[in-house]
Structure formats: C-alpha cells, structure tokens
N, C-alpha and C. Protein backbone atom coordinates (compact mmCIF):
# COMPACT_ATOMS: atom_id res chain seq x y z
N ARG A 1 15.27 -12.97 -124.80
CA ARG A 1 15.68 -11.62 -125.08
C ARG A 1 17.01 -11.34 -124.39
N ALA A 2 17.99 -10.94 -125.12
CA ALA A 2 19.34 -10.68 -124.58
C ALA A 2 19.39 -9.29 -123.94
N ARG A 3 20.16 -9.20 -122.87
CA ARG A 3 20.41 -7.91 -122.24
C ARG A 3 21.75 -7.96 -121.55
N ARG A 4 22.33 -6.81 -121.31
CA ARG A 4 23.62 -6.71 -120.65
C ARG A 4 23.44 -6.36 -119.19
N VAL A 5 24.28 -6.98 -118.37
CA VAL A 5 24.29 -6.69 -116.94
C VAL A 5 25.75 -6.54 -116.54
N PHE A 6 26.05 -5.51 -115.80
CA PHE A 6 27.41 -5.29 -115.32
C PHE A 6 27.48 -5.67 -113.85
N ALA A 7 28.46 -6.50 -113.49
CA ALA A 7 28.59 -6.99 -112.11
C ALA A 7 30.07 -7.20 -111.79
N ASP A 8 30.38 -7.26 -110.51
CA ASP A 8 31.74 -7.54 -110.08
C ASP A 8 32.11 -9.00 -110.28
N GLY A 9 31.11 -9.87 -110.29
CA GLY A 9 31.35 -11.29 -110.48
C GLY A 9 30.04 -11.99 -110.82
N VAL A 10 30.17 -13.22 -111.32
CA VAL A 10 28.99 -13.98 -111.72
C VAL A 10 29.17 -15.43 -111.28
N VAL A 11 28.10 -16.02 -110.77
CA VAL A 11 28.06 -17.45 -110.49
C VAL A 11 27.10 -18.06 -111.50
N MET A 12 27.61 -18.95 -112.33
CA MET A 12 26.78 -19.63 -113.33
C MET A 12 26.24 -20.90 -112.71
N ALA A 13 24.98 -20.88 -112.32
CA ALA A 13 24.34 -22.04 -111.68
C ALA A 13 23.31 -22.61 -112.64
N VAL A 14 23.80 -23.06 -113.79
CA VAL A 14 22.97 -23.65 -114.84
C VAL A 14 23.66 -24.93 -115.31
N PRO A 15 22.95 -25.79 -116.04
CA PRO A 15 23.63 -26.98 -116.57
C PRO A 15 24.89 -26.59 -117.35
N ALA A 16 25.88 -27.46 -117.31
CA ALA A 16 27.19 -27.17 -117.89
C ALA A 16 27.11 -26.75 -119.36
N ALA A 17 26.39 -27.49 -120.18
CA ALA A 17 26.31 -27.16 -121.60
C ALA A 17 25.67 -25.80 -121.82
N ARG A 18 24.71 -25.45 -120.99
CA ARG A 18 24.08 -24.13 -121.10
C ARG A 18 25.06 -23.04 -120.71
N ALA A 19 25.88 -23.29 -119.68
CA ALA A 19 26.90 -22.31 -119.28
C ALA A 19 27.88 -22.09 -120.43
N ALA A 20 28.26 -23.16 -121.11
CA ALA A 20 29.17 -23.03 -122.25
C ALA A 20 28.56 -22.19 -123.37
N HIS A 21 27.26 -22.28 -123.53
CA HIS A 21 26.55 -21.53 -124.57
C HIS A 21 26.36 -20.06 -124.18
N VAL A 22 26.08 -19.81 -122.90
CA VAL A 22 25.76 -18.46 -122.43
C VAL A 22 27.00 -17.59 -122.27
N CYS A 23 28.10 -18.17 -121.81
CA CYS A 23 29.32 -17.40 -121.50
C CYS A 23 30.18 -17.25 -122.75
N ALA A 24 30.25 -16.05 -123.27
CA ALA A 24 30.97 -15.81 -124.52
C ALA A 24 32.48 -15.83 -124.35
N LYS A 25 33.00 -15.48 -123.18
CA LYS A 25 34.45 -15.29 -123.02
C LYS A 25 35.12 -16.38 -122.20
N LEU A 26 34.71 -17.61 -122.36
CA LEU A 26 35.35 -18.70 -121.66
C LEU A 26 36.70 -19.02 -122.30
N THR A 27 37.60 -19.58 -121.48
CA THR A 27 38.84 -20.08 -122.05
C THR A 27 38.50 -21.33 -122.86
N PRO A 28 39.35 -21.73 -123.80
CA PRO A 28 39.08 -22.96 -124.56
C PRO A 28 38.93 -24.19 -123.67
N GLU A 29 39.73 -24.27 -122.60
CA GLU A 29 39.63 -25.40 -121.68
C GLU A 29 38.30 -25.41 -120.95
N GLU A 30 37.86 -24.24 -120.51
CA GLU A 30 36.56 -24.16 -119.82
C GLU A 30 35.43 -24.57 -120.76
N ARG A 31 35.43 -24.01 -121.95
CA ARG A 31 34.38 -24.32 -122.93
C ARG A 31 34.39 -25.81 -123.28
N GLY A 32 35.58 -26.37 -123.46
CA GLY A 32 35.68 -27.78 -123.80
C GLY A 32 35.11 -28.67 -122.72
N HIS A 33 35.46 -28.39 -121.47
CA HIS A 33 34.94 -29.21 -120.38
C HIS A 33 33.42 -29.07 -120.26
N LEU A 34 32.94 -27.84 -120.20
CA LEU A 34 31.51 -27.62 -120.01
C LEU A 34 30.69 -28.22 -121.15
N SER A 35 31.19 -28.13 -122.36
CA SER A 35 30.48 -28.69 -123.52
C SER A 35 30.46 -30.22 -123.49
N SER A 36 31.43 -30.82 -122.81
CA SER A 36 31.51 -32.29 -122.79
C SER A 36 30.56 -32.94 -121.79
N VAL A 37 30.02 -32.16 -120.87
CA VAL A 37 29.15 -32.73 -119.84
C VAL A 37 27.76 -32.97 -120.43
N GLU A 38 27.31 -34.20 -120.36
CA GLU A 38 25.98 -34.55 -120.86
C GLU A 38 24.98 -34.50 -119.71
N THR A 39 23.73 -34.22 -120.04
CA THR A 39 22.68 -34.26 -119.03
C THR A 39 21.61 -35.26 -119.45
N GLN A 40 20.92 -35.78 -118.47
CA GLN A 40 19.84 -36.72 -118.70
C GLN A 40 18.51 -36.07 -118.37
N ARG A 41 17.49 -36.48 -119.08
CA ARG A 41 16.13 -36.08 -118.75
C ARG A 41 15.68 -36.90 -117.55
N ALA A 42 14.65 -36.40 -116.89
CA ALA A 42 14.08 -37.14 -115.76
C ALA A 42 12.57 -36.92 -115.72
N ILE A 43 11.90 -37.92 -115.21
CA ILE A 43 10.46 -37.82 -114.96
C ILE A 43 10.22 -38.26 -113.52
N ALA A 44 9.52 -37.41 -112.79
CA ALA A 44 9.09 -37.75 -111.42
C ALA A 44 7.57 -37.72 -111.40
N VAL A 45 6.99 -38.72 -110.79
CA VAL A 45 5.53 -38.79 -110.67
C VAL A 45 5.18 -38.66 -109.19
N HIS A 46 4.39 -37.65 -108.88
CA HIS A 46 3.99 -37.39 -107.50
C HIS A 46 2.60 -37.98 -107.27
N LEU A 47 2.49 -38.76 -106.21
CA LEU A 47 1.24 -39.44 -105.89
C LEU A 47 0.72 -38.96 -104.54
N LEU A 48 -0.45 -38.35 -104.54
CA LEU A 48 -1.09 -37.94 -103.30
C LEU A 48 -2.07 -39.03 -102.91
N LEU A 49 -1.87 -39.61 -101.73
CA LEU A 49 -2.67 -40.72 -101.25
C LEU A 49 -3.53 -40.26 -100.07
N ASP A 50 -4.67 -40.91 -99.90
CA ASP A 50 -5.55 -40.56 -98.77
C ASP A 50 -4.88 -40.81 -97.43
N GLU A 51 -4.01 -41.81 -97.37
CA GLU A 51 -3.25 -42.07 -96.14
C GLU A 51 -1.85 -42.57 -96.50
N SER A 52 -0.93 -42.41 -95.57
CA SER A 52 0.44 -42.83 -95.85
C SER A 52 0.54 -44.35 -95.86
N PRO A 53 1.28 -44.91 -96.82
CA PRO A 53 1.42 -46.37 -96.90
C PRO A 53 2.22 -46.92 -95.72
N ARG A 54 1.73 -47.97 -95.11
CA ARG A 54 2.42 -48.57 -93.96
C ARG A 54 3.71 -49.28 -94.38
N ALA A 55 3.79 -49.64 -95.65
CA ALA A 55 4.96 -50.38 -96.14
C ALA A 55 6.19 -49.49 -96.31
N LEU A 56 6.06 -48.19 -96.07
CA LEU A 56 7.19 -47.26 -96.25
C LEU A 56 7.43 -46.41 -95.01
N PRO A 57 7.99 -47.00 -93.93
CA PRO A 57 8.26 -46.20 -92.74
C PRO A 57 9.56 -45.39 -92.87
N PHE A 58 10.28 -45.53 -93.98
CA PHE A 58 11.57 -44.87 -94.20
C PHE A 58 11.41 -43.86 -95.33
N TYR A 59 12.51 -43.18 -95.68
CA TYR A 59 12.43 -42.11 -96.68
C TYR A 59 12.41 -42.61 -98.12
N ALA A 60 13.16 -43.63 -98.45
CA ALA A 60 13.26 -44.00 -99.87
C ALA A 60 13.33 -45.51 -100.04
N LEU A 61 12.81 -45.94 -101.16
CA LEU A 61 12.88 -47.33 -101.59
C LEU A 61 13.53 -47.31 -102.97
N HIS A 62 14.71 -47.91 -103.06
CA HIS A 62 15.43 -47.99 -104.34
C HIS A 62 15.13 -49.33 -104.98
N LEU A 63 14.82 -49.29 -106.27
CA LEU A 63 14.45 -50.50 -106.99
C LEU A 63 15.48 -50.78 -108.08
N PRO A 64 16.15 -51.91 -108.02
CA PRO A 64 17.20 -52.22 -109.01
C PRO A 64 16.62 -52.37 -110.42
N SER A 65 17.39 -51.95 -111.39
CA SER A 65 16.95 -52.03 -112.79
C SER A 65 16.71 -53.46 -113.24
N GLN A 66 17.35 -54.43 -112.57
CA GLN A 66 17.17 -55.84 -112.93
C GLN A 66 15.73 -56.31 -112.76
N LEU A 67 14.94 -55.58 -111.98
CA LEU A 67 13.53 -55.95 -111.80
C LEU A 67 12.70 -55.66 -113.05
N GLY A 68 13.24 -54.85 -113.96
CA GLY A 68 12.53 -54.54 -115.20
C GLY A 68 11.33 -53.62 -115.01
N LEU A 69 11.34 -52.82 -113.97
CA LEU A 69 10.25 -51.88 -113.71
C LEU A 69 10.52 -50.55 -114.39
N ASP A 70 9.48 -49.76 -114.56
CA ASP A 70 9.66 -48.41 -115.12
C ASP A 70 10.06 -47.40 -114.05
N VAL A 71 10.18 -47.82 -112.80
CA VAL A 71 10.53 -46.91 -111.72
C VAL A 71 11.84 -47.35 -111.09
N SER A 72 12.57 -46.35 -110.58
CA SER A 72 13.86 -46.65 -109.96
C SER A 72 13.89 -46.33 -108.47
N ARG A 73 13.03 -45.40 -108.05
CA ARG A 73 13.07 -44.99 -106.64
C ARG A 73 11.72 -44.43 -106.23
N VAL A 74 11.36 -44.67 -105.00
CA VAL A 74 10.15 -44.10 -104.40
C VAL A 74 10.61 -43.31 -103.18
N CYS A 75 10.33 -42.02 -103.16
CA CYS A 75 10.69 -41.17 -102.02
C CYS A 75 9.42 -40.82 -101.26
N VAL A 76 9.49 -40.93 -99.95
CA VAL A 76 8.35 -40.67 -99.09
C VAL A 76 8.39 -39.20 -98.67
N GLU A 77 7.66 -38.38 -99.40
CA GLU A 77 7.71 -36.94 -99.19
C GLU A 77 6.88 -36.49 -97.99
N HIS A 78 5.88 -37.27 -97.58
CA HIS A 78 5.02 -36.83 -96.47
C HIS A 78 5.76 -36.85 -95.13
N HIS A 79 6.97 -37.40 -95.08
CA HIS A 79 7.78 -37.31 -93.86
C HIS A 79 8.32 -35.88 -93.68
N LYS A 80 8.32 -35.11 -94.75
CA LYS A 80 8.79 -33.73 -94.67
C LYS A 80 7.66 -32.85 -94.13
N ARG A 81 8.02 -31.93 -93.31
CA ARG A 81 7.04 -31.04 -92.67
C ARG A 81 6.22 -30.28 -93.71
N ASP A 82 4.91 -30.32 -93.58
CA ASP A 82 3.95 -29.58 -94.42
C ASP A 82 3.99 -29.96 -95.90
N ALA A 83 4.56 -31.11 -96.23
CA ALA A 83 4.61 -31.53 -97.63
C ALA A 83 3.27 -32.08 -98.11
N ALA A 84 2.48 -32.62 -97.20
CA ALA A 84 1.20 -33.22 -97.56
C ALA A 84 0.16 -32.83 -96.51
N PRO A 85 -1.12 -32.90 -96.87
CA PRO A 85 -2.16 -32.63 -95.87
C PRO A 85 -2.04 -33.61 -94.70
N PRO A 86 -2.47 -33.21 -93.51
CA PRO A 86 -2.37 -34.10 -92.34
C PRO A 86 -3.00 -35.47 -92.62
N GLY A 87 -2.25 -36.52 -92.30
CA GLY A 87 -2.72 -37.89 -92.47
C GLY A 87 -2.58 -38.45 -93.87
N ALA A 88 -2.36 -37.60 -94.85
CA ALA A 88 -2.24 -38.05 -96.24
C ALA A 88 -0.83 -38.56 -96.51
N GLY A 89 -0.70 -39.33 -97.57
CA GLY A 89 0.61 -39.79 -98.01
C GLY A 89 0.99 -39.05 -99.28
N LEU A 90 2.27 -38.76 -99.42
CA LEU A 90 2.77 -38.12 -100.64
C LEU A 90 4.05 -38.84 -101.04
N LEU A 91 4.04 -39.43 -102.22
CA LEU A 91 5.20 -40.15 -102.74
C LEU A 91 5.70 -39.47 -104.00
N ARG A 92 7.02 -39.43 -104.15
CA ARG A 92 7.63 -39.03 -105.42
C ARG A 92 8.28 -40.27 -105.99
N VAL A 93 7.82 -40.65 -107.18
CA VAL A 93 8.32 -41.86 -107.82
C VAL A 93 9.17 -41.44 -109.01
N ASP A 94 10.44 -41.81 -109.00
CA ASP A 94 11.34 -41.48 -110.10
C ASP A 94 11.28 -42.58 -111.15
N VAL A 95 11.05 -42.17 -112.38
CA VAL A 95 11.04 -43.11 -113.50
C VAL A 95 12.48 -43.51 -113.77
N GLY A 96 12.73 -44.77 -114.02
CA GLY A 96 14.07 -45.27 -114.29
C GLY A 96 14.65 -44.68 -115.57
N ALA A 97 15.96 -44.51 -115.59
CA ALA A 97 16.64 -43.89 -116.73
C ALA A 97 16.32 -44.58 -118.05
N ARG A 98 16.19 -45.90 -118.03
CA ARG A 98 15.90 -46.64 -119.27
C ARG A 98 14.48 -46.37 -119.78
N SER A 99 13.59 -45.97 -118.92
CA SER A 99 12.19 -45.76 -119.30
C SER A 99 11.87 -44.31 -119.63
N VAL A 100 12.71 -43.37 -119.22
CA VAL A 100 12.41 -41.95 -119.40
C VAL A 100 12.16 -41.61 -120.86
N GLU A 101 13.06 -41.99 -121.74
CA GLU A 101 12.90 -41.62 -123.16
C GLU A 101 11.64 -42.23 -123.77
N ARG A 102 11.33 -43.46 -123.39
CA ARG A 102 10.15 -44.13 -123.92
C ARG A 102 8.87 -43.45 -123.44
N LEU A 103 8.86 -42.95 -122.23
CA LEU A 103 7.66 -42.34 -121.66
C LEU A 103 7.59 -40.83 -121.82
N TRP A 104 8.68 -40.21 -122.24
CA TRP A 104 8.80 -38.75 -122.25
C TRP A 104 7.62 -38.06 -122.96
N SER A 105 7.24 -38.50 -124.11
CA SER A 105 6.21 -37.79 -124.89
C SER A 105 4.81 -38.37 -124.70
N ARG A 106 4.67 -39.34 -123.84
CA ARG A 106 3.33 -39.89 -123.58
C ARG A 106 2.53 -38.94 -122.70
N ASP A 107 1.21 -39.05 -122.79
CA ASP A 107 0.32 -38.25 -121.96
C ASP A 107 0.60 -38.52 -120.49
N ASP A 108 0.36 -37.52 -119.65
CA ASP A 108 0.57 -37.68 -118.21
C ASP A 108 -0.23 -38.85 -117.65
N ASP A 109 -1.46 -39.04 -118.13
CA ASP A 109 -2.28 -40.15 -117.64
C ASP A 109 -1.62 -41.50 -117.91
N LYS A 110 -1.01 -41.64 -119.08
CA LYS A 110 -0.35 -42.90 -119.44
C LYS A 110 0.92 -43.11 -118.63
N VAL A 111 1.67 -42.04 -118.40
CA VAL A 111 2.88 -42.14 -117.57
C VAL A 111 2.49 -42.54 -116.15
N GLY A 112 1.48 -41.88 -115.60
CA GLY A 112 1.01 -42.22 -114.26
C GLY A 112 0.56 -43.67 -114.16
N ALA A 113 -0.16 -44.13 -115.19
CA ALA A 113 -0.64 -45.52 -115.20
C ALA A 113 0.52 -46.50 -115.23
N ARG A 114 1.56 -46.23 -116.04
CA ARG A 114 2.73 -47.12 -116.11
C ARG A 114 3.44 -47.18 -114.76
N VAL A 115 3.56 -46.03 -114.11
CA VAL A 115 4.21 -45.99 -112.80
C VAL A 115 3.41 -46.80 -111.79
N LEU A 116 2.11 -46.64 -111.77
CA LEU A 116 1.26 -47.39 -110.84
C LEU A 116 1.33 -48.89 -111.12
N GLU A 117 1.38 -49.27 -112.41
CA GLU A 117 1.54 -50.70 -112.76
C GLU A 117 2.86 -51.25 -112.23
N SER A 118 3.92 -50.47 -112.36
CA SER A 118 5.22 -50.90 -111.85
C SER A 118 5.20 -51.06 -110.34
N LEU A 119 4.56 -50.12 -109.66
CA LEU A 119 4.53 -50.16 -108.20
C LEU A 119 3.75 -51.36 -107.68
N GLU A 120 2.81 -51.87 -108.47
CA GLU A 120 2.06 -53.06 -108.06
C GLU A 120 2.99 -54.25 -107.86
N ARG A 121 4.14 -54.25 -108.53
CA ARG A 121 5.10 -55.35 -108.44
C ARG A 121 6.15 -55.12 -107.35
N THR A 122 5.91 -54.15 -106.48
CA THR A 122 6.81 -53.84 -105.37
C THR A 122 6.08 -54.12 -104.05
N PRO A 123 6.76 -54.01 -102.92
CA PRO A 123 6.07 -54.19 -101.63
C PRO A 123 4.91 -53.21 -101.40
N LEU A 124 4.85 -52.13 -102.16
CA LEU A 124 3.75 -51.18 -102.01
C LEU A 124 2.43 -51.74 -102.51
N GLY A 125 2.50 -52.60 -103.51
CA GLY A 125 1.28 -53.17 -104.06
C GLY A 125 0.47 -52.14 -104.83
N ARG A 126 -0.83 -52.38 -104.90
CA ARG A 126 -1.72 -51.50 -105.67
C ARG A 126 -2.04 -50.24 -104.87
N LEU A 127 -1.79 -49.10 -105.48
CA LEU A 127 -2.10 -47.81 -104.87
C LEU A 127 -3.22 -47.14 -105.65
N ARG A 128 -4.04 -46.41 -104.92
CA ARG A 128 -5.12 -45.64 -105.55
C ARG A 128 -4.95 -44.18 -105.14
N PRO A 129 -4.12 -43.45 -105.85
CA PRO A 129 -3.87 -42.07 -105.46
C PRO A 129 -5.08 -41.17 -105.71
N ARG A 130 -5.20 -40.18 -104.85
CA ARG A 130 -6.22 -39.15 -105.02
C ARG A 130 -5.85 -38.24 -106.18
N ARG A 131 -4.55 -38.04 -106.35
CA ARG A 131 -4.07 -37.16 -107.42
C ARG A 131 -2.71 -37.65 -107.90
N VAL A 132 -2.48 -37.52 -109.21
CA VAL A 132 -1.20 -37.89 -109.82
C VAL A 132 -0.70 -36.68 -110.60
N VAL A 133 0.54 -36.27 -110.33
CA VAL A 133 1.15 -35.15 -111.04
C VAL A 133 2.47 -35.64 -111.64
N VAL A 134 2.61 -35.46 -112.95
CA VAL A 134 3.84 -35.87 -113.65
C VAL A 134 4.69 -34.63 -113.87
N HIS A 135 5.96 -34.73 -113.51
CA HIS A 135 6.89 -33.60 -113.65
C HIS A 135 8.07 -34.06 -114.50
N ARG A 136 8.27 -33.37 -115.64
CA ARG A 136 9.38 -33.69 -116.54
C ARG A 136 10.44 -32.59 -116.44
N VAL A 137 11.71 -33.01 -116.40
CA VAL A 137 12.82 -32.06 -116.36
C VAL A 137 13.77 -32.43 -117.49
N ASP A 138 13.94 -31.51 -118.45
CA ASP A 138 14.73 -31.80 -119.64
C ASP A 138 16.22 -31.96 -119.34
N GLU A 139 16.76 -31.12 -118.49
CA GLU A 139 18.18 -31.21 -118.12
C GLU A 139 18.27 -31.44 -116.62
N ALA A 140 18.02 -32.66 -116.21
CA ALA A 140 17.88 -32.94 -114.78
C ALA A 140 19.18 -33.29 -114.08
N VAL A 141 19.96 -34.17 -114.66
CA VAL A 141 21.11 -34.72 -113.96
C VAL A 141 22.31 -34.78 -114.89
N SER A 142 23.45 -34.34 -114.41
CA SER A 142 24.68 -34.47 -115.19
C SER A 142 25.08 -35.93 -115.24
N ARG A 143 25.54 -36.34 -116.41
CA ARG A 143 25.97 -37.73 -116.60
C ARG A 143 27.49 -37.79 -116.61
N PHE A 144 28.04 -38.62 -115.77
CA PHE A 144 29.48 -38.76 -115.67
C PHE A 144 29.88 -40.07 -116.35
N GLY A 145 30.31 -39.97 -117.59
CA GLY A 145 30.72 -41.14 -118.36
C GLY A 145 32.23 -41.32 -118.31
N PRO A 146 32.75 -42.22 -119.15
CA PRO A 146 34.19 -42.47 -119.18
C PRO A 146 34.98 -41.18 -119.44
N GLY A 147 36.00 -40.96 -118.67
CA GLY A 147 36.87 -39.79 -118.82
C GLY A 147 36.37 -38.54 -118.11
N SER A 148 35.16 -38.59 -117.56
CA SER A 148 34.58 -37.41 -116.92
C SER A 148 35.39 -36.93 -115.72
N LEU A 149 35.84 -37.86 -114.89
CA LEU A 149 36.57 -37.45 -113.70
C LEU A 149 37.90 -36.79 -114.05
N ARG A 150 38.58 -37.31 -115.07
CA ARG A 150 39.83 -36.70 -115.51
C ARG A 150 39.58 -35.28 -116.01
N ARG A 151 38.53 -35.10 -116.84
CA ARG A 151 38.22 -33.77 -117.37
C ARG A 151 37.79 -32.82 -116.25
N LEU A 152 37.02 -33.34 -115.29
CA LEU A 152 36.57 -32.50 -114.18
C LEU A 152 37.77 -32.05 -113.34
N ARG A 153 38.68 -32.96 -113.07
CA ARG A 153 39.87 -32.60 -112.28
C ARG A 153 40.67 -31.51 -112.99
N ALA A 154 40.87 -31.66 -114.28
CA ALA A 154 41.61 -30.64 -115.05
C ALA A 154 40.87 -29.30 -115.00
N PHE A 155 39.55 -29.34 -115.08
CA PHE A 155 38.75 -28.12 -115.02
C PHE A 155 38.91 -27.43 -113.67
N LEU A 156 38.82 -28.22 -112.60
CA LEU A 156 38.91 -27.64 -111.25
C LEU A 156 40.31 -27.14 -110.92
N GLU A 157 41.34 -27.74 -111.53
CA GLU A 157 42.72 -27.33 -111.24
C GLU A 157 43.29 -26.37 -112.28
N ARG A 158 42.48 -25.93 -113.23
CA ARG A 158 42.98 -25.06 -114.30
C ARG A 158 43.58 -23.78 -113.74
N GLU A 159 44.66 -23.35 -114.37
CA GLU A 159 45.32 -22.13 -113.94
C GLU A 159 44.78 -20.92 -114.69
N GLU A 160 44.46 -21.11 -115.96
CA GLU A 160 43.86 -20.02 -116.72
C GLU A 160 42.35 -20.08 -116.54
N ARG A 161 41.80 -19.02 -115.94
CA ARG A 161 40.37 -18.99 -115.66
C ARG A 161 39.77 -17.68 -116.17
N THR A 162 38.50 -17.77 -116.53
CA THR A 162 37.78 -16.54 -116.86
C THR A 162 37.63 -15.75 -115.57
N PRO A 163 38.11 -14.51 -115.55
CA PRO A 163 38.10 -13.74 -114.30
C PRO A 163 36.68 -13.51 -113.76
N ARG A 164 36.56 -13.56 -112.45
CA ARG A 164 35.33 -13.26 -111.71
C ARG A 164 34.12 -14.07 -112.18
N LEU A 165 34.39 -15.28 -112.63
CA LEU A 165 33.31 -16.16 -113.05
C LEU A 165 33.46 -17.48 -112.31
N ALA A 166 32.43 -17.88 -111.60
CA ALA A 166 32.43 -19.14 -110.86
C ALA A 166 31.29 -20.01 -111.38
N PHE A 167 31.46 -21.31 -111.27
CA PHE A 167 30.46 -22.25 -111.76
C PHE A 167 29.91 -23.05 -110.59
N ALA A 168 28.61 -23.24 -110.57
CA ALA A 168 27.95 -24.06 -109.56
C ALA A 168 26.99 -24.99 -110.27
N GLY A 169 26.88 -26.19 -109.76
CA GLY A 169 25.96 -27.16 -110.35
C GLY A 169 26.45 -28.56 -110.09
N ASP A 170 25.58 -29.53 -110.32
CA ASP A 170 25.97 -30.91 -110.05
C ASP A 170 27.10 -31.38 -110.95
N HIS A 171 27.33 -30.69 -112.05
CA HIS A 171 28.42 -31.06 -112.96
C HIS A 171 29.80 -30.79 -112.36
N ARG A 172 29.88 -30.09 -111.22
CA ARG A 172 31.16 -29.80 -110.58
C ARG A 172 31.52 -30.78 -109.49
N VAL A 173 30.55 -31.51 -108.95
CA VAL A 173 30.83 -32.36 -107.79
C VAL A 173 30.30 -33.76 -108.01
N GLY A 174 29.06 -33.88 -108.35
CA GLY A 174 28.41 -35.16 -108.54
C GLY A 174 26.93 -34.92 -108.78
N PRO A 175 26.25 -35.92 -109.31
CA PRO A 175 24.87 -35.70 -109.70
C PRO A 175 23.93 -35.43 -108.52
N TYR A 176 22.80 -34.87 -108.83
CA TYR A 176 21.69 -34.62 -107.92
C TYR A 176 21.87 -33.33 -107.11
N THR A 177 20.90 -33.05 -106.31
CA THR A 177 20.83 -31.79 -105.55
C THR A 177 22.04 -31.63 -104.63
N GLU A 178 22.50 -32.71 -104.03
CA GLU A 178 23.62 -32.62 -103.10
C GLU A 178 24.86 -32.08 -103.80
N GLY A 179 25.09 -32.50 -105.04
CA GLY A 179 26.23 -32.00 -105.80
C GLY A 179 26.09 -30.52 -106.11
N SER A 180 24.88 -30.10 -106.48
CA SER A 180 24.63 -28.68 -106.76
C SER A 180 24.85 -27.84 -105.52
N LEU A 181 24.32 -28.30 -104.41
CA LEU A 181 24.44 -27.56 -103.15
C LEU A 181 25.90 -27.45 -102.72
N THR A 182 26.63 -28.55 -102.80
CA THR A 182 28.04 -28.54 -102.41
C THR A 182 28.85 -27.59 -103.28
N SER A 183 28.60 -27.58 -104.57
CA SER A 183 29.37 -26.72 -105.47
C SER A 183 29.06 -25.24 -105.25
N GLY A 184 27.81 -24.94 -104.88
CA GLY A 184 27.42 -23.56 -104.64
C GLY A 184 28.13 -22.98 -103.44
C-alpha cells in the first residue's frame, strides 16, 4: 500500500534494485547504477546441537567450492553471548552459491538433510542436531561483477545527486553485513 511521507531527508537502506524502483526522482546516473547491481539469494541452515562440537574452537570454517559440497561456511554462533542455551552448540551453515538455486524450492527437511550430508565430509563429521531451521533470503548479497567497481566509483563521485537522499547497503561498499554497516 503506497503512502506519502514528508521528511527533511531519507536514507534508503534497501537492496540497490529496490531503491531504484522505490525512488521516483533519481537522476539517470543514480537509477542506472542502482539498477545494474545484482543480488544473490542465500540459504542459511541453523543447527541446534546438544553440545558444542569440539572440532570448532574458532568462529568460522570456510569450505572451498572445489570440495564439491553444498555448504560454503560454518559459523559457530554459540560463541556469541546468549545465542544458544548453556552448554548447547549453535551453528549457522551457509549453503554454497552454486547450490542455492538447486535447493531453493526444496522442503526444509531436504535442505537440512543435504547440509548434514555435506558436513559429514568435513572435520565436523556426522552431526545429530536437536533442531534444524532453514532460513532463505531472496535478496541477500550484492554481486560485484565485471565493471562494478567502475560504476560504483562513478556513483560515489557523482556531482548531480538527488537532494537529501542517501543510500546505505552492501551495494555501496562491499558484500555482507560489514559493507551495510560501513555504508550506514
């Protein structure tokens, strides 16, 4: 439902393509850049374990795509304060970019099973989680392909700007949360 809001300024903290769609009065250069930024889908599988795995005393395990697994990274979330019940383990497993599209429309049970099968081939071995939660994000990460840095530089250095409009998001700095936070 559309509505009007009057403000002294606006910070657009949405994916670039959505900002291009929402903002009616962008300059042609702004619209062109924002429309050119592609985003990738992502799937994260959260595993609640009865105890924390001894094989992961650090925060993250990155798995190279050459291994042919459906997972790319395992983050140890139970190291964060109050993220998991006392003594329990909590892992966030990121599905690899090559596997996201193939697994996107599968049932959560099947996605969880594929992730657990992949993890069996890592130092973690076989895990038996108490609970598995699959989280899908349609516009998760900005993709920086050929020519992206040149277009981004031109966007950041543009002289003609839509007045009192600022943009925040990973599309301004680099992918992931750190890019979003830095741009904000």
